[in-house]
Full PDB file with SEQRES, HELIX, SHEET, SSBOND, CRYST1, ORIGX, SCALE, CONECT and MASTER records, all heavy atoms in Angstrom:
SEQRES   1 A   33  ARG ILE VAL LYS PRO VAL ASP PHE ASP PRO ASN LYS LYS          
SEQRES   2 A   33  TYR PRO VAL LEU PHE TYR VAL TYR GLY GLU PRO TRP GLY          
SEQRES   3 A   33  GLN THR ALA VAL ASP ASP TRP                                  
CRYST1    1.000    1.000    1.000  90.00  90.00  90.00 P 1           1          
ORIGX1      1.000000  0.000000  0.000000        0.00000                         
ORIGX2      0.000000  1.000000  0.000000        0.00000                         
ORIGX3      0.000000  0.000000  1.000000        0.00000                         
SCALE1      1.000000  0.000000  0.000000        0.00000                         
SCALE2      0.000000  1.000000  0.000000        0.00000                         
SCALE3      0.000000  0.000000  1.000000        0.00000                         
ATOM      1  N   ARG A   1       0.882  -1.159  -0.005  1.00  0.00           N  
ATOM      2  CA  ARG A   1      -0.012   0.007  -0.044  1.00  0.00           C  
ATOM      3  C   ARG A   1       0.893   1.208   0.006  1.00  0.00           C  
ATOM      4  O   ARG A   1       1.859   1.287   0.777  1.00  0.00           O  
ATOM      5  CB  ARG A   1      -0.891  -0.057   1.255  1.00  0.00           C  
ATOM      6  CG  ARG A   1      -1.610   1.263   1.578  1.00  0.00           C  
ATOM      7  CD  ARG A   1      -2.597   1.021   2.684  1.00  0.00           C  
ATOM      8  NE  ARG A   1      -2.917   2.205   3.426  1.00  0.00           N  
ATOM      9  CZ  ARG A   1      -3.896   2.298   4.336  1.00  0.00           C  
ATOM     10  NH1 ARG A   1      -4.664   1.285   4.608  1.00  0.00           N  
ATOM     11  NH2 ARG A   1      -4.078   3.398   4.981  1.00  0.00           N  
ATOM     12  N   ILE A   2       0.595   2.206  -0.846  1.00  0.00           N  
ATOM     13  CA  ILE A   2       1.448   3.379  -1.003  1.00  0.00           C  
ATOM     14  C   ILE A   2       0.605   4.622  -1.011  1.00  0.00           C  
ATOM     15  O   ILE A   2      -0.491   4.664  -1.484  1.00  0.00           O  
ATOM     16  CB  ILE A   2       2.270   3.294  -2.323  1.00  0.00           C  
ATOM     17  CG1 ILE A   2       3.233   4.495  -2.482  1.00  0.00           C  
ATOM     18  CG2 ILE A   2       1.349   3.188  -3.543  1.00  0.00           C  
ATOM     19  CD1 ILE A   2       4.220   4.328  -3.606  1.00  0.00           C  
ATOM     20  N   VAL A   3       1.130   5.684  -0.330  1.00  0.00           N  
ATOM     21  CA  VAL A   3       0.523   7.000  -0.349  1.00  0.00           C  
ATOM     22  C   VAL A   3       1.549   7.978  -0.779  1.00  0.00           C  
ATOM     23  O   VAL A   3       2.608   8.101  -0.224  1.00  0.00           O  
ATOM     24  CB  VAL A   3       0.002   7.333   1.101  1.00  0.00           C  
ATOM     25  CG1 VAL A   3      -0.774   8.679   1.002  1.00  0.00           C  
ATOM     26  CG2 VAL A   3      -0.869   6.272   1.725  1.00  0.00           C  
ATOM     27  N   LYS A   4       1.180   8.682  -1.902  1.00  0.00           N  
ATOM     28  CA  LYS A   4       2.058   9.679  -2.467  1.00  0.00           C  
ATOM     29  C   LYS A   4       1.532  11.076  -2.197  1.00  0.00           C  
ATOM     30  O   LYS A   4       0.339  11.271  -2.004  1.00  0.00           O  
ATOM     31  CB  LYS A   4       2.200   9.477  -4.003  1.00  0.00           C  
ATOM     32  CG  LYS A   4       2.672   8.122  -4.422  1.00  0.00           C  
ATOM     33  CD  LYS A   4       2.646   8.023  -5.986  1.00  0.00           C  
ATOM     34  CE  LYS A   4       3.060   6.654  -6.454  1.00  0.00           C  
ATOM     35  NZ  LYS A   4       2.940   6.569  -7.922  1.00  0.00           N  
ATOM     36  N   PRO A   5       2.447  12.046  -2.226  1.00  0.00           N  
ATOM     37  CA  PRO A   5       1.960  13.467  -2.044  1.00  0.00           C  
ATOM     38  C   PRO A   5       0.921  13.866  -3.127  1.00  0.00           C  
ATOM     39  O   PRO A   5       0.967  13.353  -4.240  1.00  0.00           O  
ATOM     40  CB  PRO A   5       3.247  14.277  -2.202  1.00  0.00           C  
ATOM     41  CG  PRO A   5       4.342  13.344  -1.853  1.00  0.00           C  
ATOM     42  CD  PRO A   5       3.883  11.995  -2.341  1.00  0.00           C  
ATOM     43  N   VAL A   6       0.071  14.829  -2.713  1.00  0.00           N  
ATOM     44  CA  VAL A   6      -0.951  15.301  -3.657  1.00  0.00           C  
ATOM     45  C   VAL A   6      -0.312  15.836  -4.921  1.00  0.00           C  
ATOM     46  O   VAL A   6      -0.818  15.748  -6.065  1.00  0.00           O  
ATOM     47  CB  VAL A   6      -1.864  16.312  -2.985  1.00  0.00           C  
ATOM     48  CG1 VAL A   6      -2.853  16.968  -3.946  1.00  0.00           C  
ATOM     49  CG2 VAL A   6      -2.680  15.614  -1.858  1.00  0.00           C  
ATOM     50  N   ASP A   7       0.793  16.581  -4.702  1.00  0.00           N  
ATOM     51  CA  ASP A   7       1.511  17.221  -5.851  1.00  0.00           C  
ATOM     52  C   ASP A   7       2.630  16.387  -6.347  1.00  0.00           C  
ATOM     53  O   ASP A   7       3.657  16.883  -6.830  1.00  0.00           O  
ATOM     54  CB  ASP A   7       2.010  18.609  -5.413  1.00  0.00           C  
ATOM     55  CG  ASP A   7       2.975  18.539  -4.188  1.00  0.00           C  
ATOM     56  OD1 ASP A   7       3.125  17.441  -3.657  1.00  0.00           O  
ATOM     57  OD2 ASP A   7       3.530  19.572  -3.855  1.00  0.00           O  
ATOM     58  N   PHE A   8       2.511  15.108  -6.257  1.00  0.00           N  
ATOM     59  CA  PHE A   8       3.525  14.152  -6.693  1.00  0.00           C  
ATOM     60  C   PHE A   8       4.029  14.451  -8.082  1.00  0.00           C  
ATOM     61  O   PHE A   8       3.229  14.627  -9.026  1.00  0.00           O  
ATOM     62  CB  PHE A   8       2.988  12.723  -6.634  1.00  0.00           C  
ATOM     63  CG  PHE A   8       3.925  11.689  -7.167  1.00  0.00           C  
ATOM     64  CD1 PHE A   8       5.078  11.299  -6.471  1.00  0.00           C  
ATOM     65  CD2 PHE A   8       3.699  11.151  -8.421  1.00  0.00           C  
ATOM     66  CE1 PHE A   8       5.978  10.371  -7.006  1.00  0.00           C  
ATOM     67  CE2 PHE A   8       4.558  10.170  -8.969  1.00  0.00           C  
ATOM     68  CZ  PHE A   8       5.665   9.764  -8.221  1.00  0.00           C  
ATOM     69  N   ASP A   9       5.318  14.515  -8.276  1.00  0.00           N  
ATOM     70  CA  ASP A   9       5.934  14.794  -9.604  1.00  0.00           C  
ATOM     71  C   ASP A   9       6.764  13.599  -9.922  1.00  0.00           C  
ATOM     72  O   ASP A   9       7.822  13.297  -9.327  1.00  0.00           O  
ATOM     73  CB  ASP A   9       6.803  16.040  -9.533  1.00  0.00           C  
ATOM     74  CG  ASP A   9       7.409  16.409 -10.870  1.00  0.00           C  
ATOM     75  OD1 ASP A   9       7.407  15.560 -11.779  1.00  0.00           O  
ATOM     76  OD2 ASP A   9       7.889  17.563 -10.979  1.00  0.00           O  
ATOM     77  N   PRO A  10       6.446  12.795 -10.980  1.00  0.00           N  
ATOM     78  CA  PRO A  10       7.175  11.598 -11.328  1.00  0.00           C  
ATOM     79  C   PRO A  10       8.620  11.901 -11.764  1.00  0.00           C  
ATOM     80  O   PRO A  10       9.423  10.941 -11.893  1.00  0.00           O  
ATOM     81  CB  PRO A  10       6.346  11.014 -12.481  1.00  0.00           C  
ATOM     82  CG  PRO A  10       5.615  12.142 -13.053  1.00  0.00           C  
ATOM     83  CD  PRO A  10       5.278  13.035 -11.896  1.00  0.00           C  
ATOM     84  N   ASN A  11       8.963  13.146 -11.985  1.00  0.00           N  
ATOM     85  CA  ASN A  11      10.290  13.513 -12.404  1.00  0.00           C  
ATOM     86  C   ASN A  11      11.196  13.800 -11.207  1.00  0.00           C  
ATOM     87  O   ASN A  11      12.355  14.141 -11.397  1.00  0.00           O  
ATOM     88  CB  ASN A  11      10.284  14.732 -13.300  1.00  0.00           C  
ATOM     89  CG  ASN A  11       9.645  14.388 -14.651  1.00  0.00           C  
ATOM     90  OD1 ASN A  11       9.954  13.386 -15.265  1.00  0.00           O  
ATOM     91  ND2 ASN A  11       8.768  15.278 -15.143  1.00  0.00           N  
ATOM     92  N   LYS A  12      10.624  13.625 -10.017  1.00  0.00           N  
ATOM     93  CA  LYS A  12      11.369  13.901  -8.780  1.00  0.00           C  
ATOM     94  C   LYS A  12      11.594  12.599  -8.016  1.00  0.00           C  
ATOM     95  O   LYS A  12      10.846  11.635  -8.194  1.00  0.00           O  
ATOM     96  CB  LYS A  12      10.689  14.937  -7.959  1.00  0.00           C  
ATOM     97  CG  LYS A  12      10.654  16.303  -8.528  1.00  0.00           C  
ATOM     98  CD  LYS A  12      10.002  17.317  -7.622  1.00  0.00           C  
ATOM     99  CE  LYS A  12      10.021  18.723  -8.172  1.00  0.00           C  
ATOM    100  NZ  LYS A  12       9.401  19.715  -7.250  1.00  0.00           N  
ATOM    101  N   LYS A  13      12.564  12.613  -7.140  1.00  0.00           N  
ATOM    102  CA  LYS A  13      12.808  11.502  -6.206  1.00  0.00           C  
ATOM    103  C   LYS A  13      12.383  11.898  -4.798  1.00  0.00           C  
ATOM    104  O   LYS A  13      12.701  13.027  -4.369  1.00  0.00           O  
ATOM    105  CB  LYS A  13      14.295  11.102  -6.216  1.00  0.00           C  
ATOM    106  CG  LYS A  13      14.790  10.554  -7.530  1.00  0.00           C  
ATOM    107  CD  LYS A  13      16.270  10.342  -7.551  1.00  0.00           C  
ATOM    108  CE  LYS A  13      16.658   9.028  -6.835  1.00  0.00           C  
ATOM    109  NZ  LYS A  13      16.328   7.843  -7.664  1.00  0.00           N  
ATOM    110  N   TYR A  14      11.670  10.970  -4.092  1.00  0.00           N  
ATOM    111  CA  TYR A  14      11.085  11.290  -2.832  1.00  0.00           C  
ATOM    112  C   TYR A  14      11.634  10.367  -1.753  1.00  0.00           C  
ATOM    113  O   TYR A  14      11.984   9.232  -1.984  1.00  0.00           O  
ATOM    114  CB  TYR A  14       9.581  11.158  -2.860  1.00  0.00           C  
ATOM    115  CG  TYR A  14       8.877  12.138  -3.693  1.00  0.00           C  
ATOM    116  CD1 TYR A  14       8.713  12.015  -5.095  1.00  0.00           C  
ATOM    117  CD2 TYR A  14       8.313  13.334  -3.139  1.00  0.00           C  
ATOM    118  CE1 TYR A  14       8.071  12.946  -5.888  1.00  0.00           C  
ATOM    119  CE2 TYR A  14       7.674  14.276  -3.907  1.00  0.00           C  
ATOM    120  CZ  TYR A  14       7.545  14.053  -5.262  1.00  0.00           C  
ATOM    121  OH  TYR A  14       6.923  14.997  -6.047  1.00  0.00           O  
ATOM    122  N   PRO A  15      11.697  10.880  -0.529  1.00  0.00           N  
ATOM    123  CA  PRO A  15      12.018  10.012   0.583  1.00  0.00           C  
ATOM    124  C   PRO A  15      10.912   9.054   0.893  1.00  0.00           C  
ATOM    125  O   PRO A  15       9.726   9.373   0.639  1.00  0.00           O  
ATOM    126  CB  PRO A  15      12.293  11.005   1.746  1.00  0.00           C  
ATOM    127  CG  PRO A  15      11.366  12.111   1.452  1.00  0.00           C  
ATOM    128  CD  PRO A  15      11.383  12.273  -0.057  1.00  0.00           C  
ATOM    129  N   VAL A  16      11.233   7.859   1.394  1.00  0.00           N  
ATOM    130  CA  VAL A  16      10.178   6.862   1.657  1.00  0.00           C  
ATOM    131  C   VAL A  16      10.233   6.444   3.106  1.00  0.00           C  
ATOM    132  O   VAL A  16      11.334   6.307   3.732  1.00  0.00           O  
ATOM    133  CB  VAL A  16      10.350   5.642   0.765  1.00  0.00           C  
ATOM    134  CG1 VAL A  16      11.697   4.960   0.973  1.00  0.00           C  
ATOM    135  CG2 VAL A  16       9.210   4.614   0.959  1.00  0.00           C  
ATOM    136  N   LEU A  17       9.096   6.334   3.733  1.00  0.00           N  
ATOM    137  CA  LEU A  17       8.922   5.812   5.078  1.00  0.00           C  
ATOM    138  C   LEU A  17       8.157   4.518   5.028  1.00  0.00           C  
ATOM    139  O   LEU A  17       6.982   4.495   4.651  1.00  0.00           O  
ATOM    140  CB  LEU A  17       8.157   6.824   5.952  1.00  0.00           C  
ATOM    141  CG  LEU A  17       7.845   6.358   7.379  1.00  0.00           C  
ATOM    142  CD1 LEU A  17       9.096   6.093   8.199  1.00  0.00           C  
ATOM    143  CD2 LEU A  17       6.944   7.343   8.124  1.00  0.00           C  
ATOM    144  N   PHE A  18       8.828   3.435   5.365  1.00  0.00           N  
ATOM    145  CA  PHE A  18       8.170   2.111   5.399  1.00  0.00           C  
ATOM    146  C   PHE A  18       7.552   1.867   6.789  1.00  0.00           C  
ATOM    147  O   PHE A  18       8.222   2.093   7.803  1.00  0.00           O  
ATOM    148  CB  PHE A  18       9.178   0.986   5.128  1.00  0.00           C  
ATOM    149  CG  PHE A  18       9.662   0.909   3.691  1.00  0.00           C  
ATOM    150  CD1 PHE A  18      10.899   1.445   3.359  1.00  0.00           C  
ATOM    151  CD2 PHE A  18       8.895   0.338   2.714  1.00  0.00           C  
ATOM    152  CE1 PHE A  18      11.335   1.339   2.040  1.00  0.00           C  
ATOM    153  CE2 PHE A  18       9.318   0.272   1.408  1.00  0.00           C  
ATOM    154  CZ  PHE A  18      10.592   0.772   1.082  1.00  0.00           C  
ATOM    155  N   TYR A  19       6.307   1.469   6.813  1.00  0.00           N  
ATOM    156  CA  TYR A  19       5.706   0.987   8.052  1.00  0.00           C  
ATOM    157  C   TYR A  19       5.698  -0.509   8.063  1.00  0.00           C  
ATOM    158  O   TYR A  19       5.321  -1.144   7.078  1.00  0.00           O  
ATOM    159  CB  TYR A  19       4.266   1.531   8.220  1.00  0.00           C  
ATOM    160  CG  TYR A  19       3.534   0.909   9.404  1.00  0.00           C  
ATOM    161  CD1 TYR A  19       3.901   1.235  10.699  1.00  0.00           C  
ATOM    162  CD2 TYR A  19       2.544  -0.058   9.213  1.00  0.00           C  
ATOM    163  CE1 TYR A  19       3.246   0.646  11.808  1.00  0.00           C  
ATOM    164  CE2 TYR A  19       1.859  -0.617  10.275  1.00  0.00           C  
ATOM    165  CZ  TYR A  19       2.224  -0.271  11.563  1.00  0.00           C  
ATOM    166  OH  TYR A  19       1.633  -0.861  12.664  1.00  0.00           O  
ATOM    167  N   VAL A  20       6.167  -1.156   9.125  1.00  0.00           N  
ATOM    168  CA  VAL A  20       6.291  -2.625   9.194  1.00  0.00           C  
ATOM    169  C   VAL A  20       5.647  -3.151  10.418  1.00  0.00           C  
ATOM    170  O   VAL A  20       5.595  -2.530  11.454  1.00  0.00           O  
ATOM    171  CB  VAL A  20       7.784  -3.032   9.139  1.00  0.00           C  
ATOM    172  CG1 VAL A  20       8.434  -2.674   7.784  1.00  0.00           C  
ATOM    173  CG2 VAL A  20       8.598  -2.374  10.226  1.00  0.00           C  
ATOM    174  N   TYR A  21       5.218  -4.390  10.300  1.00  0.00           N  
ATOM    175  CA  TYR A  21       4.845  -5.255  11.429  1.00  0.00           C  
ATOM    176  C   TYR A  21       5.424  -6.620  11.154  1.00  0.00           C  
ATOM    177  O   TYR A  21       6.439  -6.950  11.665  1.00  0.00           O  
ATOM    178  CB  TYR A  21       3.330  -5.332  11.610  1.00  0.00           C  
ATOM    179  CG  TYR A  21       2.989  -6.182  12.877  1.00  0.00           C  
ATOM    180  CD1 TYR A  21       3.254  -5.688  14.132  1.00  0.00           C  
ATOM    181  CD2 TYR A  21       2.554  -7.474  12.736  1.00  0.00           C  
ATOM    182  CE1 TYR A  21       3.050  -6.430  15.261  1.00  0.00           C  
ATOM    183  CE2 TYR A  21       2.333  -8.241  13.858  1.00  0.00           C  
ATOM    184  CZ  TYR A  21       2.574  -7.734  15.096  1.00  0.00           C  
ATOM    185  OH  TYR A  21       2.368  -8.499  16.242  1.00  0.00           O  
ATOM    186  N   GLY A  22       4.793  -7.421  10.277  1.00  0.00           N  
ATOM    187  CA  GLY A  22       5.387  -8.614   9.731  1.00  0.00           C  
ATOM    188  C   GLY A  22       5.370  -9.846  10.511  1.00  0.00           C  
ATOM    189  O   GLY A  22       6.036 -10.835  10.184  1.00  0.00           O  
ATOM    190  N   GLU A  23       4.634  -9.923  11.605  1.00  0.00           N  
ATOM    191  CA  GLU A  23       4.521 -11.212  12.412  1.00  0.00           C  
ATOM    192  C   GLU A  23       3.096 -11.709  12.225  1.00  0.00           C  
ATOM    193  O   GLU A  23       2.191 -11.118  11.653  1.00  0.00           O  
ATOM    194  CB  GLU A  23       4.828 -10.906  13.857  1.00  0.00           C  
ATOM    195  CG  GLU A  23       6.264 -10.458  14.080  1.00  0.00           C  
ATOM    196  CD  GLU A  23       6.794 -10.593  15.478  1.00  0.00           C  
ATOM    197  OE1 GLU A  23       6.001 -11.085  16.344  1.00  0.00           O  
ATOM    198  OE2 GLU A  23       7.884 -10.135  15.828  1.00  0.00           O  
ATOM    199  N   PRO A  24       2.864 -12.966  12.763  1.00  0.00           N  
ATOM    200  CA  PRO A  24       1.569 -13.637  12.484  1.00  0.00           C  
ATOM    201  C   PRO A  24       0.322 -12.996  13.128  1.00  0.00           C  
ATOM    202  O   PRO A  24      -0.763 -13.521  12.998  1.00  0.00           O  
ATOM    203  CB  PRO A  24       1.795 -15.018  13.063  1.00  0.00           C  
ATOM    204  CG  PRO A  24       3.271 -15.230  13.066  1.00  0.00           C  
ATOM    205  CD  PRO A  24       3.880 -13.872  13.353  1.00  0.00           C  
ATOM    206  N   TRP A  25       0.538 -11.870  13.859  1.00  0.00           N  
ATOM    207  CA  TRP A  25      -0.574 -11.257  14.536  1.00  0.00           C  
ATOM    208  C   TRP A  25      -1.169 -10.079  13.837  1.00  0.00           C  
ATOM    209  O   TRP A  25      -2.048  -9.404  14.362  1.00  0.00           O  
ATOM    210  CB  TRP A  25      -0.133 -10.889  15.939  1.00  0.00           C  
ATOM    211  CG  TRP A  25      -1.228 -10.728  16.971  1.00  0.00           C  
ATOM    212  CD1 TRP A  25      -1.728  -9.606  17.573  1.00  0.00           C  
ATOM    213  CD2 TRP A  25      -2.086 -11.790  17.457  1.00  0.00           C  
ATOM    214  NE1 TRP A  25      -2.744  -9.859  18.422  1.00  0.00           N  
ATOM    215  CE2 TRP A  25      -3.023 -11.245  18.366  1.00  0.00           C  
ATOM    216  CE3 TRP A  25      -2.165 -13.153  17.240  1.00  0.00           C  
ATOM    217  CZ2 TRP A  25      -3.950 -11.992  18.997  1.00  0.00           C  
ATOM    218  CZ3 TRP A  25      -3.068 -13.914  17.901  1.00  0.00           C  
ATOM    219  CH2 TRP A  25      -3.986 -13.283  18.804  1.00  0.00           C  
ATOM    220  N   GLY A  26      -0.668  -9.744  12.668  1.00  0.00           N  
ATOM    221  CA  GLY A  26      -1.229  -8.564  11.983  1.00  0.00           C  
ATOM    222  C   GLY A  26      -0.837  -8.419  10.497  1.00  0.00           C  
ATOM    223  O   GLY A  26       0.267  -8.773  10.090  1.00  0.00           O  
ATOM    224  N   GLN A  27      -1.809  -7.821   9.742  1.00  0.00           N  
ATOM    225  CA  GLN A  27      -1.639  -7.535   8.349  1.00  0.00           C  
ATOM    226  C   GLN A  27      -1.686  -6.041   8.201  1.00  0.00           C  
ATOM    227  O   GLN A  27      -2.508  -5.403   8.845  1.00  0.00           O  
ATOM    228  CB  GLN A  27      -2.723  -8.224   7.516  1.00  0.00           C  
ATOM    229  CG  GLN A  27      -2.704  -7.995   6.019  1.00  0.00           C  
ATOM    230  CD  GLN A  27      -3.869  -8.635   5.372  1.00  0.00           C  
ATOM    231  OE1 GLN A  27      -4.670  -9.359   5.918  1.00  0.00           O  
ATOM    232  NE2 GLN A  27      -4.025  -8.397   4.049  1.00  0.00           N  
ATOM    233  N   THR A  28      -0.840  -5.382   7.431  1.00  0.00           N  
ATOM    234  CA  THR A  28      -0.770  -3.943   7.307  1.00  0.00           C  
ATOM    235  C   THR A  28      -1.230  -3.394   5.982  1.00  0.00           C  
ATOM    236  O   THR A  28      -1.770  -2.254   5.927  1.00  0.00           O  
ATOM    237  CB  THR A  28       0.629  -3.465   7.658  1.00  0.00           C  
ATOM    238  OG1 THR A  28       1.545  -3.990   6.713  1.00  0.00           O  
ATOM    239  CG2 THR A  28       1.109  -3.882   9.023  1.00  0.00           C  
ATOM    240  N   ALA A  29      -0.940  -4.096   4.885  1.00  0.00           N  
ATOM    241  CA  ALA A  29      -1.298  -3.580   3.563  1.00  0.00           C  
ATOM    242  C   ALA A  29      -2.755  -3.935   3.279  1.00  0.00           C  
ATOM    243  O   ALA A  29      -3.097  -4.802   2.545  1.00  0.00           O  
ATOM    244  CB  ALA A  29      -0.389  -4.165   2.503  1.00  0.00           C  
ATOM    245  N   VAL A  30      -3.644  -3.211   3.965  1.00  0.00           N  
ATOM    246  CA  VAL A  30      -5.071  -3.489   3.864  1.00  0.00           C  
ATOM    247  C   VAL A  30      -5.850  -2.229   3.399  1.00  0.00           C  
ATOM    248  O   VAL A  30      -5.388  -1.083   3.613  1.00  0.00           O  
ATOM    249  CB  VAL A  30      -5.611  -3.979   5.204  1.00  0.00           C  
ATOM    250  CG1 VAL A  30      -5.104  -5.344   5.555  1.00  0.00           C  
ATOM    251  CG2 VAL A  30      -5.317  -3.010   6.331  1.00  0.00           C  
ATOM    252  N   ASP A  31      -6.923  -2.529   2.779  1.00  0.00           N  
ATOM    253  CA  ASP A  31      -7.811  -1.422   2.262  1.00  0.00           C  
ATOM    254  C   ASP A  31      -8.716  -0.913   3.277  1.00  0.00           C  
ATOM    255  O   ASP A  31      -9.985  -1.044   3.156  1.00  0.00           O  
ATOM    256  CB  ASP A  31      -8.550  -1.972   1.017  1.00  0.00           C  
ATOM    257  CG  ASP A  31      -9.164  -0.839   0.134  1.00  0.00           C  
ATOM    258  OD1 ASP A  31      -8.913   0.321   0.518  1.00  0.00           O  
ATOM    259  OD2 ASP A  31      -9.793  -1.167  -0.827  1.00  0.00           O  
ATOM    260  N   ASP A  32      -8.180  -0.384   4.399  1.00  0.00           N  
ATOM    261  CA  ASP A  32      -9.018   0.115   5.479  1.00  0.00           C  
ATOM    262  C   ASP A  32      -8.417   1.483   5.976  1.00  0.00           C  
ATOM    263  O   ASP A  32      -7.261   1.849   5.675  1.00  0.00           O  
ATOM    264  CB  ASP A  32      -9.120  -0.841   6.602  1.00  0.00           C  
ATOM    265  CG  ASP A  32      -7.865  -0.989   7.454  1.00  0.00           C  
ATOM    266  OD1 ASP A  32      -6.796  -0.630   6.961  1.00  0.00           O  
ATOM    267  OD2 ASP A  32      -7.990  -1.441   8.584  1.00  0.00           O  
ATOM    268  N   TRP A  33      -9.257   2.178   6.732  1.00  0.00           N  
ATOM    269  CA  TRP A  33      -8.856   3.421   7.330  1.00  0.00           C  
ATOM    270  C   TRP A  33      -8.236   3.116   8.692  1.00  0.00           C  
ATOM    271  O   TRP A  33      -8.940   2.903   9.674  1.00  0.00           O  
ATOM    272  CB  TRP A  33     -10.079   4.348   7.492  1.00  0.00           C  
ATOM    273  CG  TRP A  33      -9.721   5.717   7.970  1.00  0.00           C  
ATOM    274  CD1 TRP A  33      -9.831   6.217   9.257  1.00  0.00           C  
ATOM    275  CD2 TRP A  33      -9.201   6.816   7.171  1.00  0.00           C  
ATOM    276  NE1 TRP A  33      -9.404   7.526   9.281  1.00  0.00           N  
ATOM    277  CE2 TRP A  33      -9.061   7.898   8.006  1.00  0.00           C  
ATOM    278  CE3 TRP A  33      -8.874   6.958   5.809  1.00  0.00           C  
ATOM    279  CZ2 TRP A  33      -8.587   9.159   7.606  1.00  0.00           C  
ATOM    280  CZ3 TRP A  33      -8.393   8.171   5.394  1.00  0.00           C  
ATOM    281  CH2 TRP A  33      -8.260   9.260   6.272  1.00  0.00           C  
TER     282      TRP A  33                                                      
MASTER        0    0    0    0    0    0    0    6  281    1    0    3          
END                                                                             
């Protein structure tokens, strides 16, 4: 799941912040609020 800036410019390079969990107790890339 990815969220980009509203004014995203494909000709630019952006910093990335990964959110992780990764154990059997939770899923993170989900279509929810």
